[in-house]
């Protein structure tokens, strides 16, 4: 039986600036020298450090739509490659935890909602009394206390509802993620390159945030991908495969 030796996978980007325009300048028995045209960095690449040929490349872009005709590229977004089985187990565990905690929160929400209705009724009653005798300080003080009670209960209810919403958001599933076998960050233009085995299915996990005025928008992706034995593949992470967008390739439905 003949054996085929693995061909080393040579670098395609500069390790210093991540630029993609590099040149091989010299070769020795067990190493190759490369030069980067972007930052002028020169480095020695040893064949023994090269990844096995079984690894392929996943390239792509990360962006969100800023309007119907424009897109906003997301730079410095961390992407992770996680094998299918541990990621599935993690998502199932977090989903079960989410369901239990949401049920507990809903019971609290029901109790606080009932308290708020009673507080609003009392506040409305005291307001009408105070309106009939605006010069009575005692009545004005009673209404003010009722108003503050209503406001505090309203704030408590909003906090409970926000906690419930976070439990069904992508951010909940980012807690305690399994270890990644490969990771990278997007460039300023949103492009990325990830090493990924050619066989098997993997989850590409990413989280990004963007400030829009006074609001902070958070974007989460859990997307299945497989090279199907090919050396490379392209993947775009955008609004269409965000968590909750209904993409058939999403690991979270």
Protein backbone atom coordinates (compact mmCIF):
# COMPACT_ATOMS: atom_id res chain seq x y z
CA UNK A 1 0.00 0.00 0.00
CA UNK A 2 1.49 3.32 -0.99
CA UNK A 3 1.30 6.37 1.21
CA UNK A 4 1.06 9.97 0.15
CA UNK A 5 3.00 12.51 2.18
CA UNK A 6 1.08 15.59 3.30
CA UNK A 7 1.82 18.77 1.39
CA UNK A 8 2.36 21.70 3.72
CA UNK A 9 -0.12 24.56 3.46
CA UNK A 10 1.94 27.70 2.89
CA UNK A 11 0.80 31.04 4.33
CA UNK A 12 -1.37 33.35 2.25
CA UNK A 13 -1.33 36.36 4.60
CA UNK A 14 1.27 38.30 6.53
CA UNK A 15 1.29 37.34 10.25
CA UNK A 16 2.07 40.97 11.21
CA UNK A 17 -0.51 43.03 9.29
CA UNK A 18 -2.71 40.22 7.87
CA UNK A 19 -2.18 41.61 4.38
CA UNK A 20 -2.74 39.24 1.49
CA UNK A 21 0.03 40.45 -0.85
CA UNK A 22 3.11 38.45 0.10
CA UNK A 23 6.04 37.04 -1.85
CA UNK A 24 8.26 34.01 -1.37
CA UNK A 25 11.82 35.35 -1.42
CA UNK A 26 13.98 32.35 -0.49
CA UNK A 27 13.70 28.67 0.26
CA UNK A 28 15.86 26.36 2.36
CA UNK A 29 15.56 22.63 2.99
CA UNK A 30 12.99 22.93 5.81
CA UNK A 31 11.78 26.52 5.57
CA UNK A 32 10.71 29.37 3.29
CA UNK A 33 11.27 33.11 3.67
CA UNK A 34 8.35 35.45 2.86
CA UNK A 35 8.11 39.23 2.41
CA UNK A 36 4.96 41.40 2.86
CA UNK A 37 4.42 44.29 0.44
CA UNK A 38 2.03 46.04 2.84
CA UNK A 39 4.13 46.39 5.99
CA UNK A 40 7.55 45.28 4.65
CA UNK A 41 7.66 42.49 7.23
CA UNK A 42 9.94 39.54 6.38
CA UNK A 43 9.59 36.24 8.21
CA UNK A 44 10.73 32.63 8.14
CA UNK A 45 8.09 29.92 7.69
CA UNK A 46 9.11 26.41 8.76
CA UNK A 47 7.47 23.42 7.10
CA UNK A 48 7.17 21.62 10.44
CA UNK A 49 4.83 24.41 11.62
CA UNK A 50 2.59 24.12 8.58
CA UNK A 51 -0.98 22.86 9.08
CA UNK A 52 -1.87 19.52 7.52
CA UNK A 53 -3.22 19.49 4.01
CA UNK A 54 -6.55 18.24 5.40
CA UNK A 55 -7.28 21.80 6.50
CA UNK A 56 -8.96 24.07 3.99
CA UNK A 57 -9.76 27.77 3.95
CA UNK A 58 -13.06 29.46 4.68
CA UNK A 59 -13.10 33.04 3.43
CA UNK A 60 -15.85 35.61 3.41
CA UNK A 61 -17.33 38.87 4.62
CA UNK A 62 -19.25 40.08 7.66
CA UNK A 63 -21.64 43.00 7.14
CA UNK A 64 -25.13 44.30 7.89
CA UNK A 65 -27.42 46.42 5.76
CA UNK A 66 -27.30 50.10 6.71
CA UNK A 67 -30.03 50.90 4.18
CA UNK A 68 -31.70 49.24 1.21
CA UNK A 69 -28.78 50.05 -1.09
CA UNK A 70 -25.84 50.25 1.32
CA UNK A 71 -24.06 47.84 3.59
CA UNK A 72 -21.90 48.39 6.68
CA UNK A 73 -18.82 46.16 6.91
CA UNK A 74 -18.00 44.96 10.42
CA UNK A 75 -14.31 44.98 11.32
CA UNK A 76 -12.54 43.33 14.26
CA UNK A 77 -15.28 40.72 14.62
CA UNK A 78 -14.02 37.53 16.27
CA UNK A 79 -15.07 34.35 14.46
CA UNK A 80 -14.70 30.85 15.88
CA UNK A 81 -14.88 27.38 14.31
CA UNK A 82 -16.52 24.83 16.64
CA UNK A 83 -17.09 21.14 15.74
CA UNK A 84 -20.71 20.09 15.23
CA UNK A 85 -21.21 17.67 18.14
CA UNK A 86 -19.97 19.86 21.04
CA UNK A 87 -21.74 22.90 19.61
CA UNK A 88 -25.03 21.00 19.26
CA UNK A 89 -24.78 19.79 22.86
CA UNK A 90 -24.04 23.32 24.04
CA UNK A 91 -26.99 24.83 22.16
CA UNK A 92 -29.39 22.16 23.46
CA UNK A 93 -28.19 22.72 27.03
CA UNK A 94 -28.52 26.49 26.77
CA UNK A 95 -31.97 26.18 25.15
CA UNK A 96 -33.19 24.02 28.05
CA UNK A 97 -31.74 26.50 30.55
CA UNK A 98 -33.42 29.36 28.68
CA UNK A 99 -36.81 27.64 28.76
CA UNK A 100 -36.62 27.02 32.51
CA UNK A 101 -35.47 30.54 33.36
CA UNK A 102 -38.06 32.12 31.07
CA UNK A 103 -40.82 30.16 32.80
CA UNK A 104 -39.62 31.45 36.20
CA UNK A 105 -39.37 35.00 34.88
CA UNK A 106 -42.86 34.81 33.38
CA UNK A 107 -44.29 33.97 36.81
CA UNK A 108 -42.51 37.02 38.25
CA UNK A 109 -43.77 39.14 35.35
CA UNK A 110 -47.37 38.05 35.99
CA UNK A 111 -47.10 38.99 39.68
CA UNK A 112 -45.51 42.38 38.97
CA UNK A 113 -48.02 43.10 36.17
CA UNK A 114 -50.87 42.60 38.64
CA UNK A 115 -49.13 44.89 41.16
CA UNK A 116 -48.71 47.53 38.47
CA UNK A 117 -52.41 47.46 37.60
CA UNK A 118 -53.34 48.00 41.26
CA UNK A 119 -50.76 50.78 41.61
CA UNK A 120 -52.08 52.56 38.50
CA UNK A 121 -55.62 52.33 39.77
CA UNK A 122 -54.58 53.83 43.12
CA UNK A 123 -52.54 56.55 41.42
CA UNK A 124 -55.43 57.47 39.12
CA UNK A 125 -57.81 57.67 42.10
CA UNK A 126 -55.45 59.95 44.06
CA UNK A 127 -54.83 62.11 41.00
CA UNK A 128 -58.54 62.82 40.63
CA UNK A 129 -58.77 63.73 44.33
CA UNK A 130 -55.76 66.01 44.07
CA UNK A 131 -57.15 67.70 40.95
CA UNK A 132 -60.30 68.70 42.85
CA UNK A 133 -58.25 70.38 45.58
CA UNK A 134 -54.88 71.40 44.13
CA UNK A 135 -53.96 73.54 47.12
CA UNK A 136 -54.14 70.64 49.57
CA UNK A 137 -50.49 69.67 50.17
CA UNK A 138 -51.42 66.43 51.92
CA UNK A 139 -53.39 65.21 48.89
CA UNK A 140 -50.60 66.26 46.49
CA UNK A 141 -48.04 64.36 48.59
CA UNK A 142 -50.23 61.23 48.58
CA UNK A 143 -50.55 61.34 44.79
CA UNK A 144 -46.78 61.95 44.38
CA UNK A 145 -46.00 58.86 46.48
CA UNK A 146 -48.44 56.77 44.42
CA UNK A 147 -46.88 58.09 41.19
CA UNK A 148 -43.38 57.10 42.35
CA UNK A 149 -44.63 53.65 43.31
CA UNK A 150 -46.11 53.17 39.83
CA UNK A 151 -42.88 54.36 38.21
CA UNK A 152 -40.74 51.98 40.28
CA UNK A 153 -42.97 48.98 39.53
CA UNK A 154 -42.96 49.90 35.82
CA UNK A 155 -39.15 49.96 35.84
CA UNK A 156 -39.06 46.59 37.60
CA UNK A 157 -41.42 45.11 35.00
CA UNK A 158 -39.33 46.47 32.12
CA UNK A 159 -36.19 44.92 33.66
CA UNK A 160 -37.89 41.51 33.97
CA UNK A 161 -39.07 41.65 30.35
CA UNK A 162 -35.57 42.64 29.15
CA UNK A 163 -34.08 39.67 31.04
CA UNK A 164 -36.64 37.38 29.39
CA UNK A 165 -35.75 38.74 25.94
CA UNK A 166 -32.02 38.19 26.51
CA UNK A 167 -32.74 34.51 27.18
CA UNK A 168 -34.00 34.04 23.62
CA UNK A 169 -31.32 36.22 22.01
CA UNK A 170 -28.09 34.99 20.48
CA UNK A 171 -26.08 36.52 23.34
CA UNK A 172 -27.46 33.95 25.78
CA UNK A 173 -25.91 31.15 23.73
CA UNK A 174 -22.47 32.79 23.70
CA UNK A 175 -21.97 32.05 27.39
CA UNK A 176 -19.64 29.07 28.05
CA UNK A 177 -19.08 28.20 24.39
CA UNK A 178 -17.09 25.02 23.65
CA UNK A 179 -13.45 25.48 22.65
CA UNK A 180 -12.84 26.57 19.07
CA UNK A 181 -10.45 24.65 16.81
CA UNK A 182 -9.75 27.80 14.76
CA UNK A 183 -10.42 31.51 15.12
CA UNK A 184 -9.76 34.80 13.36
CA UNK A 185 -10.85 38.44 13.29
CA UNK A 186 -12.28 40.35 10.37
CA UNK A 187 -10.28 43.07 8.67
CA UNK A 188 -11.54 46.67 8.60
CA UNK A 189 -13.46 45.86 5.41
CA UNK A 190 -15.22 42.91 7.08
CA UNK A 191 -13.28 40.19 5.24
CA UNK A 192 -11.90 37.12 7.01
CA UNK A 193 -9.99 33.88 6.45
CA UNK A 194 -10.40 30.83 8.69
CA UNK A 195 -8.63 27.50 8.67
CA UNK A 196 -11.16 24.68 8.78
CA UNK A 197 -10.91 20.88 8.24
CA UNK A 198 -12.13 19.71 4.85
CA UNK A 199 -14.28 16.95 6.36
CA UNK A 200 -17.17 17.30 8.79
CA UNK A 201 -19.62 20.06 9.67
CA UNK A 202 -18.71 22.99 11.88
CA UNK A 203 -20.41 25.94 13.47
CA UNK A 204 -19.12 29.40 12.58
CA UNK A 205 -19.84 31.56 15.61
CA UNK A 206 -19.53 35.35 15.62
CA UNK A 207 -20.81 38.34 17.57
CA UNK A 208 -20.60 42.01 16.61
CA UNK A 209 -21.95 45.29 17.94
CA UNK A 210 -22.54 48.70 16.41
CA UNK A 211 -23.49 52.05 17.89
CA UNK A 212 -26.34 53.83 16.10
CA UNK A 213 -27.01 57.11 17.87
CA UNK A 214 -27.91 56.31 21.47
CA UNK A 215 -28.69 52.67 20.65
CA UNK A 216 -26.32 49.72 20.63
CA UNK A 217 -27.14 47.03 18.09
CA UNK A 218 -25.80 43.52 18.69
CA UNK A 219 -25.51 40.93 15.90
CA UNK A 220 -25.03 37.20 16.51
CA UNK A 221 -24.35 34.36 14.10
CA UNK A 222 -24.39 30.57 14.61
CA UNK A 223 -24.05 29.17 11.09
CA UNK A 224 -23.33 25.61 9.96
CA UNK A 225 -20.73 25.15 7.23
CA UNK A 226 -18.90 22.25 5.57
CA UNK A 227 -16.16 22.29 2.96
CA UNK A 228 -17.38 18.87 1.69
CA UNK A 229 -13.80 17.84 0.96
CA UNK A 230 -13.00 20.95 -1.06
CA UNK A 231 -9.89 23.05 -0.33
CA UNK A 232 -11.85 26.29 0.09
CA UNK A 233 -15.27 27.84 0.39
CA UNK A 234 -16.79 31.29 0.77
CA UNK A 235 -19.25 32.31 3.49
CA UNK A 236 -21.06 35.61 3.96
CA UNK A 237 -22.42 36.54 7.38
CA UNK A 238 -25.09 39.23 7.07
CA UNK A 239 -28.68 40.08 7.98
CA UNK A 240 -30.01 37.00 6.20
CA UNK A 241 -28.33 34.45 8.48
CA UNK A 242 -28.37 36.33 11.78
CA UNK A 243 -29.83 34.50 14.76
CA UNK A 244 -33.59 34.83 14.39
CA UNK A 245 -33.55 35.56 10.64
CA UNK A 246 -34.78 32.07 9.76
CA UNK A 247 -31.82 30.97 7.66
CA UNK A 248 -31.81 27.21 6.91
CA UNK A 249 -28.07 27.16 7.70
CA UNK A 250 -28.52 28.69 11.15
CA UNK A 251 -27.74 26.44 14.11
CA UNK A 252 -30.35 28.40 16.12
CA UNK A 253 -33.93 28.44 14.87
